[in-house]
């Protein structure tokens, strides 16, 4: 009986280690994806702001006497 329990515990430990490693990698993937998404938002916002300040865009009536 003790041998059977020992073998089961050994097998279960390997499975639990795999699950823990897999969960850790999954969570890191979520962190990395979220960071990339937020970095992309910042880049898009900066690009939109830059384009909004481009010379040549004038309000109607500006410069007329």
PDB file of N, CA and C in Angstrom:
ATOM      1  N   UNK A   1       0.825  -1.192   0.000  1.00  0.00           N
ATOM      2  CA  UNK A   1       0.000   0.000   0.000  1.00  0.00           C
ATOM      3  C   UNK A   1       0.872   1.259   0.000  1.00  0.00           C
ATOM      4  N   UNK A   2       1.902   1.259   0.805  1.00  0.00           N
ATOM      5  CA  UNK A   2       2.776   2.425   0.883  1.00  0.00           C
ATOM      6  C   UNK A   2       3.459   2.677  -0.455  1.00  0.00           C
ATOM      7  N   UNK A   3       3.838   1.622  -1.155  1.00  0.00           N
ATOM      8  CA  UNK A   3       4.485   1.767  -2.460  1.00  0.00           C
ATOM      9  C   UNK A   3       3.508   2.382  -3.468  1.00  0.00           C
ATOM     10  N   UNK A   4       2.280   1.943  -3.440  1.00  0.00           N
ATOM     11  CA  UNK A   4       1.277   2.483  -4.353  1.00  0.00           C
ATOM     12  C   UNK A   4       1.036   3.962  -4.085  1.00  0.00           C
ATOM     13  N   UNK A   5       0.938   4.341  -2.839  1.00  0.00           N
ATOM     14  CA  UNK A   5       0.753   5.753  -2.486  1.00  0.00           C
ATOM     15  C   UNK A   5       1.964   6.583  -2.884  1.00  0.00           C
ATOM     16  N   UNK A   6       3.127   6.030  -2.687  1.00  0.00           N
ATOM     17  CA  UNK A   6       4.350   6.730  -3.062  1.00  0.00           C
ATOM     18  C   UNK A   6       4.399   6.967  -4.569  1.00  0.00           C
ATOM     19  N   UNK A   7       4.048   5.954  -5.342  1.00  0.00           N
ATOM     20  CA  UNK A   7       4.040   6.089  -6.804  1.00  0.00           C
ATOM     21  C   UNK A   7       2.975   7.093  -7.258  1.00  0.00           C
ATOM     22  N   UNK A   8       1.821   7.045  -6.617  1.00  0.00           N
ATOM     23  CA  UNK A   8       0.765   8.010  -6.956  1.00  0.00           C
ATOM     24  C   UNK A   8       1.219   9.431  -6.655  1.00  0.00           C
ATOM     25  N   UNK A   9       1.817   9.633  -5.487  1.00  0.00           N
ATOM     26  CA  UNK A   9       2.273  10.967  -5.106  1.00  0.00           C
ATOM     27  C   UNK A   9       3.337  11.462  -6.075  1.00  0.00           C
ATOM     28  N   UNK A  10       4.224  10.570  -6.502  1.00  0.00           N
ATOM     29  CA  UNK A  10       5.262  10.956  -7.463  1.00  0.00           C
ATOM     30  C   UNK A  10       4.633  11.393  -8.790  1.00  0.00           C
ATOM     31  N   UNK A  11       3.661  10.646  -9.248  1.00  0.00           N
ATOM     32  CA  UNK A  11       2.978  10.975 -10.511  1.00  0.00           C
ATOM     33  C   UNK A  11       2.180  12.278 -10.365  1.00  0.00           C
ATOM     34  N   UNK A  12       1.479  12.405  -9.261  1.00  0.00           N
ATOM     35  CA  UNK A  12       0.670  13.604  -9.034  1.00  0.00           C
ATOM     36  C   UNK A  12       1.564  14.835  -8.931  1.00  0.00           C
ATOM     37  N   UNK A  13       2.726  14.700  -8.332  1.00  0.00           N
ATOM     38  CA  UNK A  13       3.642  15.828  -8.183  1.00  0.00           C
ATOM     39  C   UNK A  13       4.091  16.320  -9.560  1.00  0.00           C
ATOM     40  N   UNK A  14       4.404  15.428 -10.462  1.00  0.00           N
ATOM     41  CA  UNK A  14       4.818  15.815 -11.812  1.00  0.00           C
ATOM     42  C   UNK A  14       3.683  16.545 -12.534  1.00  0.00           C
ATOM     43  N   UNK A  15       2.478  16.035 -12.382  1.00  0.00           N
ATOM     44  CA  UNK A  15       1.323  16.687 -13.016  1.00  0.00           C
ATOM     45  C   UNK A  15       1.092  18.077 -12.436  1.00  0.00           C
ATOM     46  N   UNK A  16       1.190  18.193 -11.112  1.00  0.00           N
ATOM     47  CA  UNK A  16       0.991  19.495 -10.469  1.00  0.00           C
ATOM     48  C   UNK A  16       2.079  20.487 -10.868  1.00  0.00           C
ATOM     49  N   UNK A  17       3.312  20.014 -10.989  1.00  0.00           N
ATOM     50  CA  UNK A  17       4.392  20.890 -11.437  1.00  0.00           C
ATOM     51  C   UNK A  17       4.123  21.383 -12.861  1.00  0.00           C
ATOM     52  N   UNK A  18       3.625  20.492 -13.713  1.00  0.00           N
ATOM     53  CA  UNK A  18       3.294  20.881 -15.085  1.00  0.00           C
ATOM     54  C   UNK A  18       2.185  21.931 -15.097  1.00  0.00           C
ATOM     55  N   UNK A  19       1.128  21.697 -14.315  1.00  0.00           N
ATOM     56  CA  UNK A  19       0.007  22.637 -14.260  1.00  0.00           C
ATOM     57  C   UNK A  19       0.473  24.002 -13.748  1.00  0.00           C
ATOM     58  N   UNK A  20       1.312  24.005 -12.723  1.00  0.00           N
ATOM     59  CA  UNK A  20       1.809  25.271 -12.173  1.00  0.00           C
ATOM     60  C   UNK A  20       2.670  26.006 -13.202  1.00  0.00           C
ATOM     61  N   UNK A  21       3.528  25.270 -13.898  1.00  0.00           N
ATOM     62  CA  UNK A  21       4.375  25.910 -14.912  1.00  0.00           C
ATOM     63  C   UNK A  21       3.526  26.449 -16.052  1.00  0.00           C
ATOM     64  N   UNK A  22       2.536  25.688 -16.465  1.00  0.00           N
ATOM     65  CA  UNK A  22       1.656  26.109 -17.559  1.00  0.00           C
ATOM     66  C   UNK A  22       0.859  27.351 -17.155  1.00  0.00           C
ATOM     67  N   UNK A  23       0.354  27.370 -15.934  1.00  0.00           N
ATOM     68  CA  UNK A  23      -0.402  28.522 -15.444  1.00  0.00           C
ATOM     69  C   UNK A  23       0.487  29.757 -15.381  1.00  0.00           C
ATOM     70  N   UNK A  24       1.708  29.588 -14.924  1.00  0.00           N
ATOM     71  CA  UNK A  24       2.641  30.712 -14.867  1.00  0.00           C
ATOM     72  C   UNK A  24       2.921  31.289 -16.236  1.00  0.00           C
ATOM     73  N   UNK A  25       3.145  30.416 -17.219  1.00  0.00           N
ATOM     74  CA  UNK A  25       3.396  30.892 -18.581  1.00  0.00           C
ATOM     75  C   UNK A  25       2.152  31.564 -19.168  1.00  0.00           C
ATOM     76  N   UNK A  26       0.984  31.037 -18.859  1.00  0.00           N
ATOM     77  CA  UNK A  26      -0.255  31.648 -19.349  1.00  0.00           C
ATOM     78  C   UNK A  26      -0.447  33.043 -18.770  1.00  0.00           C
ATOM     79  N   UNK A  27      -0.204  33.183 -17.479  1.00  0.00           N
ATOM     80  CA  UNK A  27      -0.339  34.495 -16.848  1.00  0.00           C
ATOM     81  C   UNK A  27       0.685  35.483 -17.397  1.00  0.00           C
ATOM     82  N   UNK A  28       1.912  35.028 -17.633  1.00  0.00           N
ATOM     83  CA  UNK A  28       2.927  35.912 -18.204  1.00  0.00           C
ATOM     84  C   UNK A  28       2.517  36.339 -19.611  1.00  0.00           C
ATOM     85  N   UNK A  29       1.893  35.439 -20.351  1.00  0.00           N
ATOM     86  CA  UNK A  29       1.393  35.783 -21.684  1.00  0.00           C
ATOM     87  C   UNK A  29       0.338  36.868 -21.624  1.00  0.00           C
ATOM     88  N   UNK A  30      -0.529  36.795 -20.630  1.00  0.00           N
ATOM     89  CA  UNK A  30      -1.564  37.819 -20.456  1.00  0.00           C
ATOM     90  C   UNK A  30      -0.919  39.168 -20.125  1.00  0.00           C
ATOM     91  N   UNK A  31       0.064  39.150 -19.249  1.00  0.00           N
ATOM     92  CA  UNK A  31       0.766  40.384 -18.884  1.00  0.00           C
ATOM     93  C   UNK A  31       1.441  40.989 -20.116  1.00  0.00           C
ATOM     94  N   UNK A  32       2.149  40.148 -20.878  1.00  0.00           N
ATOM     95  CA  UNK A  32       2.854  40.633 -22.062  1.00  0.00           C
ATOM     96  C   UNK A  32       1.882  41.187 -23.109  1.00  0.00           C
ATOM     97  N   UNK A  33       0.767  40.488 -23.321  1.00  0.00           N
ATOM     98  CA  UNK A  33      -0.218  40.936 -24.297  1.00  0.00           C
ATOM     99  C   UNK A  33      -0.861  42.250 -23.864  1.00  0.00           C
ATOM    100  N   UNK A  34      -1.167  42.391 -22.589  1.00  0.00           N
ATOM    101  CA  UNK A  34      -1.765  43.627 -22.081  1.00  0.00           C
ATOM    102  C   UNK A  34      -0.805  44.796 -22.225  1.00  0.00           C
ATOM    103  N   UNK A  35       0.459  44.565 -21.912  1.00  0.00           N
ATOM    104  CA  UNK A  35       1.465  45.619 -22.050  1.00  0.00           C
ATOM    105  C   UNK A  35       1.607  46.043 -23.513  1.00  0.00           C
ATOM    106  N   UNK A  36       1.635  45.074 -24.416  1.00  0.00           N
ATOM    107  CA  UNK A  36       1.739  45.396 -25.838  1.00  0.00           C
ATOM    108  C   UNK A  36       0.516  46.183 -26.307  1.00  0.00           C
ATOM    109  N   UNK A  37      -0.660  45.818 -25.816  1.00  0.00           N
ATOM    110  CA  UNK A  37      -1.891  46.528 -26.168  1.00  0.00           C
ATOM    111  C   UNK A  37      -1.819  47.971 -25.689  1.00  0.00           C
ATOM    112  N   UNK A  38      -1.405  48.161 -24.438  1.00  0.00           N
ATOM    113  CA  UNK A  38      -1.325  49.517 -23.888  1.00  0.00           C
ATOM    114  C   UNK A  38      -0.250  50.333 -24.597  1.00  0.00           C
ATOM    115  N   UNK A  39       0.886  49.725 -24.896  1.00  0.00           N
ATOM    116  CA  UNK A  39       1.937  50.425 -25.638  1.00  0.00           C
ATOM    117  C   UNK A  39       1.424  50.837 -27.010  1.00  0.00           C
ATOM    118  N   UNK A  40       0.644  49.980 -27.636  1.00  0.00           N
ATOM    119  CA  UNK A  40       0.060  50.298 -28.945  1.00  0.00           C
ATOM    120  C   UNK A  40      -0.903  51.463 -28.852  1.00  0.00           C
ATOM    121  N   UNK A  41      -1.710  51.509 -27.780  1.00  0.00           N
ATOM    122  CA  UNK A  41      -2.629  52.628 -27.577  1.00  0.00           C
ATOM    123  C   UNK A  41      -1.865  53.936 -27.439  1.00  0.00           C
ATOM    124  N   UNK A  42      -0.773  53.900 -26.696  1.00  0.00           N
ATOM    125  CA  UNK A  42       0.026  55.110 -26.515  1.00  0.00           C
ATOM    126  C   UNK A  42       0.634  55.553 -27.838  1.00  0.00           C
ATOM    127  N   UNK A  43       1.100  54.601 -28.621  1.00  0.00           N
ATOM    128  CA  UNK A  43       1.688  54.937 -29.920  1.00  0.00           C
ATOM    129  C   UNK A  43       0.626  55.514 -30.857  1.00  0.00           C
ATOM    130  N   UNK A  44      -0.570  54.933 -30.853  1.00  0.00           N
ATOM    131  CA  UNK A  44      -1.642  55.451 -31.702  1.00  0.00           C
ATOM    132  C   UNK A  44      -2.069  56.847 -31.260  1.00  0.00           C
ATOM    133  N   UNK A  45      -2.143  57.075 -29.960  1.00  0.00           N
ATOM    134  CA  UNK A  45      -2.520  58.392 -29.452  1.00  0.00           C
ATOM    135  C   UNK A  45      -1.469  59.430 -29.825  1.00  0.00           C
ATOM    136  N   UNK A  46      -0.204  59.082 -29.691  1.00  0.00           N
ATOM    137  CA  UNK A  46       0.867  60.011 -30.054  1.00  0.00           C
ATOM    138  C   UNK A  46       0.828  60.316 -31.549  1.00  0.00           C
ATOM    139  N   UNK A  47       0.559  59.301 -32.357  1.00  0.00           N
ATOM    140  CA  UNK A  47       0.469  59.498 -33.804  1.00  0.00           C
ATOM    141  C   UNK A  47      -0.708  60.410 -34.150  1.00  0.00           C
ATOM    142  N   UNK A  48      -1.843  60.197 -33.522  1.00  0.00           N
ATOM    143  CA  UNK A  48      -3.019  61.036 -33.778  1.00  0.00           C
ATOM    144  C   UNK A  48      -2.762  62.477 -33.357  1.00  0.00           C
ATOM    145  N   UNK A  49      -2.102  62.668 -32.228  1.00  0.00           N
ATOM    146  CA  UNK A  49      -1.778  64.022 -31.777  1.00  0.00           C
ATOM    147  C   UNK A  49      -0.811  64.698 -32.741  1.00  0.00           C
ATOM    148  N   UNK A  50       0.146  63.946 -33.208  1.00  0.00           N
ATOM    149  CA  UNK A  50       1.116  64.488 -34.154  1.00  0.00           C
ATOM    150  C   UNK A  50       0.425  64.908 -35.450  1.00  0.00           C
ATOM    151  N   UNK A  51      -0.455  64.073 -35.935  1.00  0.00           N
ATOM    152  CA  UNK A  51      -1.170  64.383 -37.180  1.00  0.00           C
ATOM    153  C   UNK A  51      -2.109  65.583 -36.987  1.00  0.00           C
ATOM    154  N   UNK A  52      -2.652  65.738 -35.795  1.00  0.00           N
ATOM    155  CA  UNK A  52      -3.571  66.844 -35.534  1.00  0.00           C
ATOM    156  C   UNK A  52      -2.838  68.184 -35.526  1.00  0.00           C
ATOM    157  N   UNK A  53      -1.555  68.156 -35.264  1.00  0.00           N
ATOM    158  CA  UNK A  53      -0.765  69.386 -35.201  1.00  0.00           C
ATOM    159  C   UNK A  53      -0.035  69.675 -36.510  1.00  0.00           C
ATOM    160  N   UNK A  54      -0.331  68.922 -37.535  1.00  0.00           N
ATOM    161  CA  UNK A  54       0.371  69.084 -38.804  1.00  0.00           C
ATOM    162  C   UNK A  54       0.059  70.444 -39.419  1.00  0.00           C
ATOM    163  N   UNK A  55       1.091  71.173 -39.863  1.00  0.00           N
ATOM    164  CA  UNK A  55       0.857  72.457 -40.530  1.00  0.00           C
ATOM    165  C   UNK A  55      -0.016  72.261 -41.772  1.00  0.00           C
ATOM    166  N   UNK A  56      -0.752  73.283 -42.108  1.00  0.00           N
ATOM    167  CA  UNK A  56      -1.620  73.205 -43.278  1.00  0.00           C
ATOM    168  C   UNK A  56      -3.075  73.005 -42.904  1.00  0.00           C
ATOM    169  N   UNK A  57      -3.333  72.683 -41.677  1.00  0.00           N
ATOM    170  CA  UNK A  57      -4.704  72.541 -41.219  1.00  0.00           C
ATOM    171  C   UNK A  57      -5.109  73.884 -40.636  1.00  0.00           C
ATOM    172  N   UNK A  58      -6.083  74.497 -41.238  1.00  0.00           N
ATOM    173  CA  UNK A  58      -6.497  75.837 -40.779  1.00  0.00           C
ATOM    174  C   UNK A  58      -7.978  75.865 -40.479  1.00  0.00           C
ATOM    175  N   UNK A  59      -8.315  76.667 -39.522  1.00  0.00           N
ATOM    176  CA  UNK A  59      -9.719  76.851 -39.203  1.00  0.00           C
ATOM    177  C   UNK A  59     -10.344  77.738 -40.276  1.00  0.00           C
ATOM    178  N   UNK A  60     -11.602  77.508 -40.593  1.00  0.00           N
ATOM    179  CA  UNK A  60     -12.276  78.351 -41.594  1.00  0.00           C
ATOM    180  C   UNK A  60     -12.272  79.807 -41.158  1.00  0.00           C
ATOM    181  N   UNK A  61     -11.975  80.670 -42.082  1.00  0.00           N
ATOM    182  CA  UNK A  61     -12.018  82.113 -41.828  1.00  0.00           C
ATOM    183  C   UNK A  61     -10.712  82.675 -41.287  1.00  0.00           C
ATOM    184  N   UNK A  62      -9.760  81.869 -40.921  1.00  0.00           N
ATOM    185  CA  UNK A  62      -8.494  82.366 -40.375  1.00  0.00           C
ATOM    186  C   UNK A  62      -7.661  82.917 -41.530  1.00  0.00           C
ATOM    187  N   UNK A  63      -7.149  84.130 -41.359  1.00  0.00           N
ATOM    188  CA  UNK A  63      -6.287  84.730 -42.369  1.00  0.00           C
ATOM    189  C   UNK A  63      -7.050  85.587 -43.372  1.00  0.00           C
ATOM    190  N   UNK A  64      -8.358  85.671 -43.256  1.00  0.00           N
ATOM    191  CA  UNK A  64      -9.154  86.515 -44.169  1.00  0.00           C
ATOM    192  C   UNK A  64      -9.407  87.845 -43.516  1.00  0.00           C
ATOM    193  N   UNK A  65      -9.376  88.876 -44.309  1.00  0.00           N
ATOM    194  CA  UNK A  65      -9.596  90.228 -43.771  1.00  0.00           C
ATOM    195  C   UNK A  65     -11.029  90.644 -43.911  1.00  0.00           C
TER     196      UNK A  65
END
